[in-house]
Amino acid sequence: MEQLPEDFDRALCIVAHPDDLEYGAASVVARWTAQGKAVAYVLATRGEAGIDGMAPAECGPVREAEERASAAVVGVDDVRFLDHPDGLVEHGLPLRRDLAGAIRWWRPEVVVTMNHELTWFGGSVNHSDHRAVGVAALDACRDANNRWLWPELGEPSPPVQAVYVCAMDGPTHYVEVTDTIDAGVASLREHRAYIDGLGTGFDPDAFLRSNAEEAGRDVGVPAAVTFTRLSV
C-alpha cells in the first residue's frame, strides 16, 4: 500500500447514514482538518430507520443532531442531508443529481465514500443503501464535471482527482491516524442513541483502535486507516 497523497485542499465525504464515516474515516478527517484542509459531509439519509426502538419521526432528528455533533469533533461544520429514505435508497437519476449538485457546491479535489460492493470483505452482505450511494457517488463525480447534465445546478465543478473508498477488499492506500485516533473515537461516541440502540455493549474505543492498529501493522505505523483509490 502507498501513503495517500495529501496534496489537496478540499475533500467531500459522501455516505448513506449518520455514523457511516465514524467507523474509521473520521480519524482521517481529523488529520486533514488539522492540516487546514476544507472537508464537508453529504449524507443521503438522516438514518431515521436505523434504531429499532425509536420511530422514524423521532429518530431522524436525533441522528441528524448526533451527526452534526460528531462532525464538529473532527473539525467539520458543513454537513448536508439529502433526505432520501433510510433503508430504501435507490441508485438512479434522482440520487445522482443530488450528489452531483453537492459536488458542484463543494468543488472537491478528493471524494471519500464507502464500500459499494455486495459484501463486506467477502462475508456478510453490505447494506443496500451503502451500495446505492457508493456507486452513485462515483457516477456523480463524472456527472458534476459535465456541463450538459443538470445545468440548473450551477457551473460544472473541476474534475475530481481521486475517489477514496473505505472498507473495501484490496486497499491501495493508507493514512496514518496515530495522532488523531482519539478524535475519531470521540466522534463515534457522539452517536449515543444509535450505539445504545444496538444493545450489544459496543465499545467505540476498542473497535476503532483494534482496526487501526491492525491496519497500521500492515503498513508499519502505529495506527492507520486504509482506502481503495479509484479514478473517475
Protein backbone atom coordinates (compact mmCIF):
# COMPACT_ATOMS: atom_id res chain seq x y z
CA MET A 1 0.00 0.00 0.00
CA GLU A 2 1.05 3.57 -0.68
CA GLN A 3 0.60 6.50 1.65
CA LEU A 4 -2.40 8.51 0.49
CA PRO A 5 -1.19 11.76 -1.14
CA GLU A 6 -2.33 14.76 0.87
CA ASP A 7 -1.56 17.45 -1.71
CA PHE A 8 -5.14 18.67 -1.89
CA ASP A 9 -7.14 21.39 -0.16
CA ARG A 10 -10.79 20.31 -0.42
CA ALA A 11 -12.44 16.95 0.26
CA LEU A 12 -16.07 15.83 0.23
CA CYS A 13 -17.22 12.75 2.15
CA ILE A 14 -20.35 11.08 0.73
CA VAL A 15 -22.12 8.30 2.64
CA ALA A 16 -25.59 6.91 3.26
CA HIS A 17 -26.17 7.28 7.00
CA PRO A 18 -25.19 9.17 10.14
CA ASP A 19 -22.30 7.21 11.73
CA ASP A 20 -21.02 5.67 8.46
CA LEU A 21 -17.96 7.92 8.44
CA GLU A 22 -17.26 7.46 12.13
CA TYR A 23 -16.30 3.79 11.85
CA GLY A 24 -12.81 4.76 10.71
CA ALA A 25 -12.77 7.65 8.26
CA ALA A 26 -13.42 10.35 10.88
CA SER A 27 -9.93 9.77 12.30
CA VAL A 28 -8.59 10.66 8.85
CA VAL A 29 -10.86 13.69 8.59
CA ALA A 30 -9.49 14.94 11.93
CA ARG A 31 -5.97 14.73 10.49
CA TRP A 32 -6.99 16.61 7.36
CA THR A 33 -8.82 19.43 9.11
CA ALA A 34 -5.83 19.83 11.45
CA GLN A 35 -3.75 20.35 8.30
CA GLY A 36 -6.11 23.15 7.26
CA LYS A 37 -7.99 21.22 4.59
CA ALA A 38 -11.67 22.06 3.99
CA VAL A 39 -13.83 18.95 4.45
CA ALA A 40 -17.61 18.64 4.13
CA TYR A 41 -20.03 15.75 4.67
CA VAL A 42 -23.00 14.78 2.48
CA LEU A 43 -25.38 12.11 3.75
CA ALA A 44 -28.08 10.58 1.58
CA THR A 45 -30.40 9.92 4.55
CA ARG A 46 -30.96 11.03 8.13
CA GLY A 47 -30.78 7.45 9.37
CA GLU A 48 -34.38 7.59 10.51
CA ALA A 49 -34.96 3.84 10.13
CA GLY A 50 -31.79 2.85 11.95
CA ILE A 51 -32.94 2.36 15.57
CA ASP A 52 -35.45 -0.41 16.11
CA GLY A 53 -36.83 1.07 19.34
CA MET A 54 -37.30 4.62 18.03
CA ALA A 55 -39.90 5.66 15.45
CA PRO A 56 -38.53 7.34 12.32
CA ALA A 57 -40.16 10.71 13.06
CA GLU A 58 -38.27 10.86 16.34
CA CYS A 59 -35.15 9.05 15.19
CA GLY A 60 -34.30 11.21 12.17
CA PRO A 61 -33.79 14.48 14.10
CA VAL A 62 -31.86 12.67 16.84
CA ARG A 63 -29.47 11.07 14.39
CA GLU A 64 -29.03 14.29 12.42
CA ALA A 65 -28.07 16.11 15.62
CA GLU A 66 -25.66 13.33 16.55
CA GLU A 67 -24.01 13.51 13.13
CA ARG A 68 -23.56 17.28 13.30
CA ALA A 69 -22.00 16.97 16.77
CA SER A 70 -19.83 14.09 15.58
CA ALA A 71 -18.61 16.05 12.56
CA ALA A 72 -17.78 19.07 14.72
CA VAL A 73 -15.47 16.90 16.88
CA VAL A 74 -13.22 16.36 13.85
CA GLY A 75 -13.43 19.92 12.56
CA VAL A 76 -16.28 19.66 10.03
CA ASP A 77 -19.00 22.31 10.11
CA ASP A 78 -20.56 21.75 6.67
CA VAL A 79 -22.92 18.76 6.81
CA ARG A 80 -25.71 18.24 4.25
CA PHE A 81 -28.58 15.74 4.37
CA LEU A 82 -30.29 14.85 1.09
CA ASP A 83 -33.42 13.29 2.65
CA HIS A 84 -33.53 10.08 0.66
CA PRO A 85 -35.49 7.43 2.60
CA ASP A 86 -33.33 5.45 5.00
CA GLY A 87 -33.25 1.78 4.04
CA LEU A 88 -34.85 2.46 0.67
CA VAL A 89 -32.17 4.45 -1.17
CA GLU A 90 -32.16 3.71 -4.89
CA HIS A 91 -29.32 4.19 -7.33
CA GLY A 92 -30.77 6.24 -10.14
CA LEU A 93 -31.00 9.70 -11.64
CA PRO A 94 -32.53 11.47 -8.59
CA LEU A 95 -29.67 10.33 -6.34
CA ARG A 96 -27.03 11.04 -8.97
CA ARG A 97 -28.48 14.51 -9.49
CA ASP A 98 -28.45 15.30 -5.77
CA LEU A 99 -24.86 14.12 -5.39
CA ALA A 100 -23.70 15.96 -8.50
CA GLY A 101 -25.25 19.11 -7.04
CA ALA A 102 -23.36 18.55 -3.80
CA ILE A 103 -20.09 18.15 -5.68
CA ARG A 104 -20.75 21.37 -7.62
CA TRP A 105 -21.49 23.07 -4.29
CA TRP A 106 -18.29 21.95 -2.55
CA ARG A 107 -15.98 21.59 -5.60
CA PRO A 108 -13.71 18.98 -4.02
CA GLU A 109 -10.44 17.70 -5.35
CA VAL A 110 -10.92 14.42 -3.47
CA VAL A 111 -14.08 12.47 -2.67
CA VAL A 112 -14.33 9.87 0.11
CA THR A 113 -17.11 7.28 0.09
CA MET A 114 -17.87 3.77 1.38
CA ASN A 115 -17.76 0.21 0.17
CA HIS A 116 -20.26 -0.17 -2.66
CA GLU A 117 -19.76 -3.90 -3.21
CA LEU A 118 -22.23 -6.68 -2.43
CA THR A 119 -20.38 -7.89 0.67
CA TRP A 120 -18.07 -6.75 3.44
CA PHE A 121 -14.71 -8.42 2.77
CA GLY A 122 -16.37 -11.38 1.09
CA GLY A 123 -18.53 -12.16 4.13
CA SER A 124 -21.75 -10.52 5.27
CA VAL A 125 -23.98 -8.70 2.79
CA ASN A 126 -23.39 -4.97 2.60
CA HIS A 127 -26.36 -2.67 3.28
CA SER A 128 -28.28 -1.79 0.12
CA ASP A 129 -28.07 1.94 0.93
CA HIS A 130 -24.26 1.73 1.08
CA ARG A 131 -24.18 0.01 -2.30
CA ALA A 132 -26.52 2.52 -3.94
CA VAL A 133 -24.81 5.60 -2.54
CA GLY A 134 -21.31 4.32 -3.22
CA VAL A 135 -21.96 3.67 -6.90
CA ALA A 136 -23.96 6.88 -7.32
CA ALA A 137 -21.12 8.88 -5.75
CA LEU A 138 -18.73 7.51 -8.37
CA ASP A 139 -21.16 8.39 -11.16
CA ALA A 140 -21.83 11.84 -9.71
CA CYS A 141 -18.14 12.75 -9.75
CA ARG A 142 -18.24 12.47 -13.53
CA ASP A 143 -21.73 13.97 -13.81
CA ALA A 144 -20.72 17.09 -11.87
CA ASN A 145 -17.99 17.87 -14.40
CA ASN A 146 -20.34 17.59 -17.40
CA ARG A 147 -21.86 20.98 -18.22
CA TRP A 148 -24.68 19.41 -20.22
CA LEU A 149 -26.04 17.47 -17.26
CA TRP A 150 -28.34 19.38 -14.88
CA PRO A 151 -27.19 22.89 -15.83
CA GLU A 152 -29.69 24.26 -13.30
CA LEU A 153 -27.34 23.00 -10.56
CA GLY A 154 -24.70 25.55 -11.49
CA GLU A 155 -21.39 25.59 -13.26
CA PRO A 156 -19.62 22.26 -13.67
CA SER A 157 -17.10 21.51 -10.97
CA PRO A 158 -13.44 20.81 -11.71
CA PRO A 159 -12.62 17.13 -12.28
CA VAL A 160 -12.35 15.11 -9.08
CA GLN A 161 -8.73 13.99 -8.83
CA ALA A 162 -9.45 10.74 -6.99
CA VAL A 163 -12.11 8.88 -5.05
CA TYR A 164 -11.00 7.01 -1.92
CA VAL A 165 -13.31 4.20 -0.84
CA CYS A 166 -13.36 2.96 2.76
CA ALA A 167 -13.64 -0.66 3.87
CA MET A 168 -13.04 -2.49 0.62
CA ASP A 169 -11.01 -5.59 -0.14
CA GLY A 170 -7.58 -4.96 -1.59
CA PRO A 171 -6.88 -1.44 -0.27
CA THR A 172 -4.34 0.57 -2.22
CA HIS A 173 -3.59 3.49 0.13
CA TYR A 174 -3.38 4.28 3.82
CA VAL A 175 -3.43 7.30 6.11
CA GLU A 176 -1.64 7.24 9.44
CA VAL A 177 -4.00 8.23 12.26
CA THR A 178 -1.75 7.73 15.28
CA ASP A 179 -2.22 11.35 16.34
CA THR A 180 -5.93 11.58 15.56
CA ILE A 181 -7.42 8.25 16.62
CA ASP A 182 -8.58 9.84 19.89
CA ALA A 183 -10.63 12.36 17.90
CA GLY A 184 -12.04 9.53 15.80
CA VAL A 185 -13.16 7.68 18.92
CA ALA A 186 -14.73 10.83 20.37
CA SER A 187 -16.52 11.42 17.08
CA LEU A 188 -18.05 7.93 17.09
CA ARG A 189 -19.08 8.31 20.74
CA GLU A 190 -21.35 11.21 19.74
CA HIS A 191 -23.71 8.64 18.20
CA ARG A 192 -25.03 7.74 21.63
CA ALA A 193 -28.63 6.97 20.69
CA TYR A 194 -27.57 4.73 17.85
CA ILE A 195 -24.96 2.85 19.88
CA ASP A 196 -27.37 2.42 22.79
CA GLY A 197 -30.00 1.19 20.34
CA LEU A 198 -27.70 -1.60 19.20
CA GLY A 199 -27.99 -3.13 22.66
CA THR A 200 -24.72 -5.04 22.20
CA GLY A 201 -22.36 -3.21 24.57
CA PHE A 202 -20.41 -1.96 21.55
CA ASP A 203 -17.19 -0.17 22.59
CA PRO A 204 -16.13 2.55 20.10
CA ASP A 205 -12.66 2.82 21.61
CA ALA A 206 -11.84 -0.88 21.36
CA PHE A 207 -13.36 -1.20 17.88
CA LEU A 208 -11.58 1.73 16.28
CA ARG A 209 -8.22 1.16 17.94
CA SER A 210 -8.08 -2.53 17.10
CA ASN A 211 -8.90 -1.87 13.45
CA ALA A 212 -6.42 1.00 13.19
CA GLU A 213 -3.67 -0.97 14.89
CA GLU A 214 -4.22 -3.96 12.61
CA ALA A 215 -4.04 -1.74 9.52
CA GLY A 216 -1.01 0.00 10.99
CA ARG A 217 0.85 -3.27 11.36
CA ASP A 218 0.34 -3.93 7.66
CA VAL A 219 2.00 -0.66 6.67
CA GLY A 220 4.49 -0.14 9.50
CA VAL A 221 2.87 2.63 11.56
CA PRO A 222 1.12 2.51 14.97
CA ALA A 223 -2.38 3.20 13.58
CA ALA A 224 -3.79 3.62 10.10
CA VAL A 225 -6.99 3.69 8.03
CA THR A 226 -6.95 2.14 4.57
CA PHE A 227 -8.69 3.10 1.32
CA THR A 228 -9.06 1.89 -2.24
CA ARG A 229 -8.29 4.62 -4.77
CA LEU A 230 -10.45 4.89 -7.88
CA SER A 231 -10.12 7.30 -10.81
CA VAL A 232 -13.27 8.73 -12.33
